[in-house]
Amino acid sequence: MKQEPTIEFDRDEFLKDRRDTLLSLDVAKMRAYAKKWGARVPSSDGMCLWSMHMARTVCFDLPDGERDLSSDWLSLHRPDGTLRLL
């Protein structure tokens, strides 16, 4: 059976970076985070912001109010970050 390679990293640093980045809602900061940790992010800023809000709704180390804010934001915005017409 082929053994998968392991990746060693500082878990605490990763979690702090993730929390700080998601709390910032800053697309440029998200792109820097993704480059540092080898993650992929959408190429469009609108979709990147939408994905950040989506991630915030399930990131349980964020305050409830922040998760709720993102849930509300998602209910009003399309995946490309534009407003929904209600």
Protein backbone atom coordinates (compact mmCIF):
# COMPACT_ATOMS: atom_id res chain seq x y z
CA MET A 1 0.00 0.00 0.00
CA LYS A 2 1.37 3.39 -1.02
CA GLN A 3 1.98 5.72 1.92
CA GLU A 4 0.81 9.31 1.55
CA PRO A 5 3.43 11.97 2.16
CA THR A 6 3.10 13.91 5.38
CA ILE A 7 3.31 17.65 5.67
CA GLU A 8 4.74 19.16 8.80
CA PHE A 9 3.57 22.61 9.83
CA ASP A 10 2.90 24.66 12.93
CA ARG A 11 -0.78 24.00 13.62
CA ASP A 12 -1.13 26.91 16.05
CA GLU A 13 0.37 29.34 13.54
CA PHE A 14 -1.91 27.99 10.81
CA LEU A 15 -5.05 28.38 12.96
CA LYS A 16 -4.06 31.90 14.07
CA ASP A 17 -3.38 32.93 10.46
CA ARG A 18 -6.70 31.45 9.33
CA ARG A 19 -8.62 33.21 12.10
CA ASP A 20 -6.93 36.57 11.50
CA THR A 21 -7.46 36.32 7.75
CA LEU A 22 -11.11 35.35 7.96
CA LEU A 23 -11.86 38.04 10.53
CA SER A 24 -10.26 40.67 8.29
CA LEU A 25 -12.45 39.92 5.24
CA ASP A 26 -9.53 41.32 3.24
CA VAL A 27 -9.14 39.63 -0.15
CA ALA A 28 -5.45 40.62 -0.46
CA LYS A 29 -4.76 39.14 2.96
CA MET A 30 -6.58 35.97 1.90
CA ARG A 31 -4.41 35.68 -1.20
CA ALA A 32 -1.26 36.07 0.94
CA TYR A 33 -2.58 33.44 3.37
CA ALA A 34 -3.32 31.05 0.51
CA LYS A 35 0.17 31.51 -0.94
CA LYS A 36 1.80 30.94 2.46
CA TRP A 37 -0.16 27.76 3.23
CA GLY A 38 -0.53 26.34 -0.28
CA ALA A 39 -4.29 26.82 -0.53
CA ARG A 40 -6.23 27.70 -3.65
CA VAL A 41 -8.56 30.67 -3.84
CA PRO A 42 -10.88 31.84 -6.60
CA SER A 43 -9.34 34.21 -9.13
CA SER A 44 -12.11 36.81 -8.93
CA ASP A 45 -12.22 39.08 -5.88
CA GLY A 46 -16.00 38.74 -5.61
CA MET A 47 -15.87 34.96 -5.51
CA CYS A 48 -12.94 35.06 -3.10
CA LEU A 49 -14.91 37.29 -0.71
CA TRP A 50 -17.94 35.03 -1.05
CA SER A 51 -15.81 31.97 -0.22
CA MET A 52 -14.36 33.76 2.81
CA HIS A 53 -17.87 34.42 4.11
CA MET A 54 -18.79 30.78 3.46
CA ALA A 55 -15.73 29.60 5.41
CA ARG A 56 -16.57 31.95 8.29
CA THR A 57 -19.99 30.33 8.75
CA VAL A 58 -18.39 26.97 9.65
CA CYS A 59 -15.23 28.17 11.41
CA PHE A 60 -16.14 27.53 15.03
CA ASP A 61 -13.18 29.37 16.51
CA LEU A 62 -14.72 32.65 15.29
CA PRO A 63 -17.19 34.53 17.49
CA ASP A 64 -20.86 33.68 16.89
CA GLY A 65 -21.55 37.27 15.84
CA GLU A 66 -18.96 37.05 13.06
CA ARG A 67 -20.40 33.77 11.79
CA ASP A 68 -23.90 35.27 11.88
CA LEU A 69 -22.71 38.37 10.02
CA SER A 70 -21.35 36.17 7.23
CA SER A 71 -24.48 34.06 7.11
CA ASP A 72 -26.54 37.23 6.69
CA TRP A 73 -24.12 38.54 4.05
CA LEU A 74 -24.40 35.28 2.09
CA SER A 75 -28.18 35.49 2.11
CA LEU A 76 -27.92 38.86 0.32
CA HIS A 77 -25.08 38.17 -2.14
CA ARG A 78 -24.49 35.91 -5.10
CA PRO A 79 -21.35 33.76 -5.26
CA ASP A 80 -19.63 36.47 -7.34
CA GLY A 81 -20.15 38.98 -4.52
CA THR A 82 -22.88 40.98 -6.27
CA LEU A 83 -26.20 41.75 -4.57
CA ARG A 84 -29.17 39.45 -5.00
CA LEU A 85 -32.34 41.01 -6.30
CA LEU A 86 -35.03 40.12 -3.79
